[in-house]
């Protein structure tokens, strides 16, 4: 589940209603396709925001719009790479595991998320949370 944390440029986010193309759950990161939103997949561009509540496919969802300065908190996991380190911040772009809805530490191909801060919760299990910004090229506003 993604959660808005703060903005690097001190701007205020806004929420709009957008019709869904699939069921969404509160905290889903959403991408827009043909004017409709659905949960982010690993290859998506046009990321628009975060679902602020559950919505069925075809219903209107409340979407918190994000921009390149929006910092969001997401869970992470990895099997080969199990923790984040200072060297991962502000440069490495990690991809999304749409099945488990986590930042994938093992995938930097076509990366979406740049780490701003992190908490390594269980190094053995390879879990924690990361505060991230989304690569501007992957946002719908790009």
C-alpha atoms as a PDB file:
ATOM      1  CA  UNK A   1       0.000   0.000   0.000  1.00  0.00           C
ATOM      2  CA  UNK A   2       1.351   3.421  -0.980  1.00  0.00           C
ATOM      3  CA  UNK A   3       0.956   6.436   1.259  1.00  0.00           C
ATOM      4  CA  UNK A   4       1.605  10.107   0.442  1.00  0.00           C
ATOM      5  CA  UNK A   5       4.229  11.468   2.872  1.00  0.00           C
ATOM      6  CA  UNK A   6       5.216  15.004   1.764  1.00  0.00           C
ATOM      7  CA  UNK A   7       6.321  17.097  -1.183  1.00  0.00           C
ATOM      8  CA  UNK A   8       9.915  18.110  -1.864  1.00  0.00           C
ATOM      9  CA  UNK A   9       8.699  21.469  -3.226  1.00  0.00           C
ATOM     10  CA  UNK A  10       6.167  22.101  -0.424  1.00  0.00           C
ATOM     11  CA  UNK A  11       3.202  21.949  -2.828  1.00  0.00           C
ATOM     12  CA  UNK A  12      -0.141  20.576  -1.697  1.00  0.00           C
ATOM     13  CA  UNK A  13      -1.661  17.500  -3.363  1.00  0.00           C
ATOM     14  CA  UNK A  14      -5.231  17.434  -4.599  1.00  0.00           C
ATOM     15  CA  UNK A  15      -7.781  14.672  -5.030  1.00  0.00           C
ATOM     16  CA  UNK A  16      -9.972  14.135  -8.101  1.00  0.00           C
ATOM     17  CA  UNK A  17     -12.517  11.506  -9.093  1.00  0.00           C
ATOM     18  CA  UNK A  18     -11.569   9.315 -12.083  1.00  0.00           C
ATOM     19  CA  UNK A  19     -13.407   6.273 -13.456  1.00  0.00           C
ATOM     20  CA  UNK A  20     -11.537   2.970 -13.092  1.00  0.00           C
ATOM     21  CA  UNK A  21     -10.734   0.321 -15.705  1.00  0.00           C
ATOM     22  CA  UNK A  22     -10.197  -2.305 -12.966  1.00  0.00           C
ATOM     23  CA  UNK A  23     -10.976  -2.674  -9.277  1.00  0.00           C
ATOM     24  CA  UNK A  24      -8.703  -0.579  -7.081  1.00  0.00           C
ATOM     25  CA  UNK A  25      -7.909  -0.801  -3.394  1.00  0.00           C
ATOM     26  CA  UNK A  26      -7.063   2.106  -1.113  1.00  0.00           C
ATOM     27  CA  UNK A  27      -3.323   2.744  -1.356  1.00  0.00           C
ATOM     28  CA  UNK A  28      -2.936   1.358  -4.885  1.00  0.00           C
ATOM     29  CA  UNK A  29      -0.603   3.366  -7.099  1.00  0.00           C
ATOM     30  CA  UNK A  30      -2.630   4.146 -10.205  1.00  0.00           C
ATOM     31  CA  UNK A  31      -1.785   4.568 -13.872  1.00  0.00           C
ATOM     32  CA  UNK A  32      -4.088   6.135 -16.440  1.00  0.00           C
ATOM     33  CA  UNK A  33      -4.972   4.509 -19.758  1.00  0.00           C
ATOM     34  CA  UNK A  34      -7.487   6.027 -22.203  1.00  0.00           C
ATOM     35  CA  UNK A  35      -8.851   8.294 -19.470  1.00  0.00           C
ATOM     36  CA  UNK A  36      -9.395   5.479 -16.945  1.00  0.00           C
ATOM     37  CA  UNK A  37      -7.272   4.473 -13.943  1.00  0.00           C
ATOM     38  CA  UNK A  38      -6.150   1.076 -12.714  1.00  0.00           C
ATOM     39  CA  UNK A  39      -3.495  -0.408 -10.424  1.00  0.00           C
ATOM     40  CA  UNK A  40       0.114   0.082 -11.514  1.00  0.00           C
ATOM     41  CA  UNK A  41       1.768  -2.779 -13.384  1.00  0.00           C
ATOM     42  CA  UNK A  42       5.520  -3.215 -13.806  1.00  0.00           C
ATOM     43  CA  UNK A  43       5.587  -1.775 -17.334  1.00  0.00           C
ATOM     44  CA  UNK A  44       3.153   1.130 -16.873  1.00  0.00           C
ATOM     45  CA  UNK A  45       3.835   4.705 -17.800  1.00  0.00           C
ATOM     46  CA  UNK A  46       1.328   7.477 -17.133  1.00  0.00           C
ATOM     47  CA  UNK A  47       1.282   7.049 -13.359  1.00  0.00           C
ATOM     48  CA  UNK A  48      -1.238   9.535 -11.996  1.00  0.00           C
ATOM     49  CA  UNK A  49      -1.683   9.027  -8.261  1.00  0.00           C
ATOM     50  CA  UNK A  50      -2.780   6.965  -5.290  1.00  0.00           C
ATOM     51  CA  UNK A  51      -6.249   5.494  -4.674  1.00  0.00           C
ATOM     52  CA  UNK A  52      -7.771   7.110  -1.599  1.00  0.00           C
ATOM     53  CA  UNK A  53     -10.400   4.389  -1.212  1.00  0.00           C
ATOM     54  CA  UNK A  54     -11.639   1.160  -2.734  1.00  0.00           C
ATOM     55  CA  UNK A  55     -13.546   1.303  -6.032  1.00  0.00           C
ATOM     56  CA  UNK A  56     -14.967  -1.374  -8.293  1.00  0.00           C
ATOM     57  CA  UNK A  57     -14.119  -1.566 -11.983  1.00  0.00           C
ATOM     58  CA  UNK A  58     -16.121   1.116 -13.804  1.00  0.00           C
ATOM     59  CA  UNK A  59     -16.754   3.123 -10.625  1.00  0.00           C
ATOM     60  CA  UNK A  60     -15.259   6.488  -9.758  1.00  0.00           C
ATOM     61  CA  UNK A  61     -12.180   6.396  -7.561  1.00  0.00           C
ATOM     62  CA  UNK A  62     -10.818   9.245  -5.465  1.00  0.00           C
ATOM     63  CA  UNK A  63      -7.263   9.740  -6.743  1.00  0.00           C
ATOM     64  CA  UNK A  64      -4.600  11.761  -4.938  1.00  0.00           C
ATOM     65  CA  UNK A  65      -2.652  13.314  -7.820  1.00  0.00           C
ATOM     66  CA  UNK A  66       1.130  13.109  -7.559  1.00  0.00           C
ATOM     67  CA  UNK A  67       3.951  14.964  -9.303  1.00  0.00           C
ATOM     68  CA  UNK A  68       7.733  14.438  -9.557  1.00  0.00           C
ATOM     69  CA  UNK A  69       8.208  16.121  -6.155  1.00  0.00           C
ATOM     70  CA  UNK A  70       5.625  13.973  -4.322  1.00  0.00           C
ATOM     71  CA  UNK A  71       7.240  11.631  -1.829  1.00  0.00           C
ATOM     72  CA  UNK A  72       5.275   8.454  -1.217  1.00  0.00           C
ATOM     73  CA  UNK A  73       5.983   5.573   1.159  1.00  0.00           C
ATOM     74  CA  UNK A  74       5.885   2.063  -0.308  1.00  0.00           C
ATOM     75  CA  UNK A  75       6.833  -1.352   1.019  1.00  0.00           C
ATOM     76  CA  UNK A  76       9.813  -3.075  -0.569  1.00  0.00           C
ATOM     77  CA  UNK A  77      10.995  -6.635  -0.897  1.00  0.00           C
ATOM     78  CA  UNK A  78      13.808  -8.478  -2.556  1.00  0.00           C
ATOM     79  CA  UNK A  79      15.195 -11.968  -2.806  1.00  0.00           C
ATOM     80  CA  UNK A  80      18.714 -11.224  -4.075  1.00  0.00           C
ATOM     81  CA  UNK A  81      19.026  -7.645  -2.803  1.00  0.00           C
ATOM     82  CA  UNK A  82      17.460  -7.600   0.647  1.00  0.00           C
ATOM     83  CA  UNK A  83      18.129  -4.106   2.009  1.00  0.00           C
ATOM     84  CA  UNK A  84      18.549  -0.543   0.885  1.00  0.00           C
ATOM     85  CA  UNK A  85      21.717   1.457   1.529  1.00  0.00           C
ATOM     86  CA  UNK A  86      22.822   5.084   1.223  1.00  0.00           C
ATOM     87  CA  UNK A  87      24.222   4.315  -2.252  1.00  0.00           C
ATOM     88  CA  UNK A  88      20.666   3.473  -3.440  1.00  0.00           C
ATOM     89  CA  UNK A  89      19.329   6.944  -2.624  1.00  0.00           C
ATOM     90  CA  UNK A  90      18.760   9.673  -5.225  1.00  0.00           C
ATOM     91  CA  UNK A  91      19.909   7.684  -8.230  1.00  0.00           C
ATOM     92  CA  UNK A  92      18.977   4.036  -8.540  1.00  0.00           C
ATOM     93  CA  UNK A  93      15.538   3.567 -10.100  1.00  0.00           C
ATOM     94  CA  UNK A  94      13.682   0.491  -8.878  1.00  0.00           C
ATOM     95  CA  UNK A  95      10.712  -1.145 -10.588  1.00  0.00           C
ATOM     96  CA  UNK A  96       7.340  -2.242  -9.194  1.00  0.00           C
ATOM     97  CA  UNK A  97       6.214  -5.789  -8.372  1.00  0.00           C
ATOM     98  CA  UNK A  98       2.516  -5.525  -9.300  1.00  0.00           C
ATOM     99  CA  UNK A  99       1.662  -8.977  -7.947  1.00  0.00           C
ATOM    100  CA  UNK A 100       2.877  -8.253  -4.412  1.00  0.00           C
ATOM    101  CA  UNK A 101       2.414  -4.457  -4.628  1.00  0.00           C
ATOM    102  CA  UNK A 102       5.956  -3.679  -3.473  1.00  0.00           C
ATOM    103  CA  UNK A 103       9.032  -1.890  -4.762  1.00  0.00           C
ATOM    104  CA  UNK A 104      11.181  -4.655  -6.223  1.00  0.00           C
ATOM    105  CA  UNK A 105      14.778  -4.383  -4.985  1.00  0.00           C
ATOM    106  CA  UNK A 106      15.879  -6.977  -7.535  1.00  0.00           C
ATOM    107  CA  UNK A 107      14.592  -5.073 -10.597  1.00  0.00           C
ATOM    108  CA  UNK A 108      16.088  -1.831 -11.876  1.00  0.00           C
ATOM    109  CA  UNK A 109      15.212  -2.421 -15.547  1.00  0.00           C
ATOM    110  CA  UNK A 110      12.814   0.328 -16.620  1.00  0.00           C
ATOM    111  CA  UNK A 111      12.852   1.606 -13.040  1.00  0.00           C
ATOM    112  CA  UNK A 112      10.175   3.927 -11.740  1.00  0.00           C
ATOM    113  CA  UNK A 113      11.031   4.805  -8.129  1.00  0.00           C
ATOM    114  CA  UNK A 114      13.973   6.852  -6.800  1.00  0.00           C
ATOM    115  CA  UNK A 115      14.592   6.318  -3.084  1.00  0.00           C
ATOM    116  CA  UNK A 116      14.714   9.410  -0.876  1.00  0.00           C
ATOM    117  CA  UNK A 117      14.756   7.587   2.483  1.00  0.00           C
ATOM    118  CA  UNK A 118      14.211   4.054   3.757  1.00  0.00           C
ATOM    119  CA  UNK A 119      13.779   1.749   6.743  1.00  0.00           C
ATOM    120  CA  UNK A 120      15.178  -1.793   6.518  1.00  0.00           C
ATOM    121  CA  UNK A 121      12.741  -3.704   8.721  1.00  0.00           C
ATOM    122  CA  UNK A 122      13.824  -7.328   8.305  1.00  0.00           C
ATOM    123  CA  UNK A 123      17.096  -7.862   6.462  1.00  0.00           C
ATOM    124  CA  UNK A 124      16.690 -11.646   6.529  1.00  0.00           C
ATOM    125  CA  UNK A 125      13.289 -11.470   4.848  1.00  0.00           C
ATOM    126  CA  UNK A 126      14.310  -8.554   2.624  1.00  0.00           C
ATOM    127  CA  UNK A 127      11.470  -6.273   3.703  1.00  0.00           C
ATOM    128  CA  UNK A 128      11.055  -2.649   4.706  1.00  0.00           C
ATOM    129  CA  UNK A 129       9.630   0.656   3.553  1.00  0.00           C
ATOM    130  CA  UNK A 130      11.041   3.255   1.203  1.00  0.00           C
ATOM    131  CA  UNK A 131      10.110   6.896   0.744  1.00  0.00           C
ATOM    132  CA  UNK A 132      10.310   7.435  -3.006  1.00  0.00           C
ATOM    133  CA  UNK A 133       9.621   9.849  -5.826  1.00  0.00           C
ATOM    134  CA  UNK A 134       8.436   8.671  -9.222  1.00  0.00           C
ATOM    135  CA  UNK A 135      10.641   9.199 -12.252  1.00  0.00           C
ATOM    136  CA  UNK A 136       9.085  12.166 -14.097  1.00  0.00           C
ATOM    137  CA  UNK A 137       9.222  10.261 -17.399  1.00  0.00           C
ATOM    138  CA  UNK A 138       6.794   7.703 -15.927  1.00  0.00           C
ATOM    139  CA  UNK A 139       4.224  10.267 -14.751  1.00  0.00           C
ATOM    140  CA  UNK A 140       1.209  11.307 -16.799  1.00  0.00           C
ATOM    141  CA  UNK A 141       2.318  14.936 -16.433  1.00  0.00           C
ATOM    142  CA  UNK A 142       5.682  14.336 -18.152  1.00  0.00           C
END
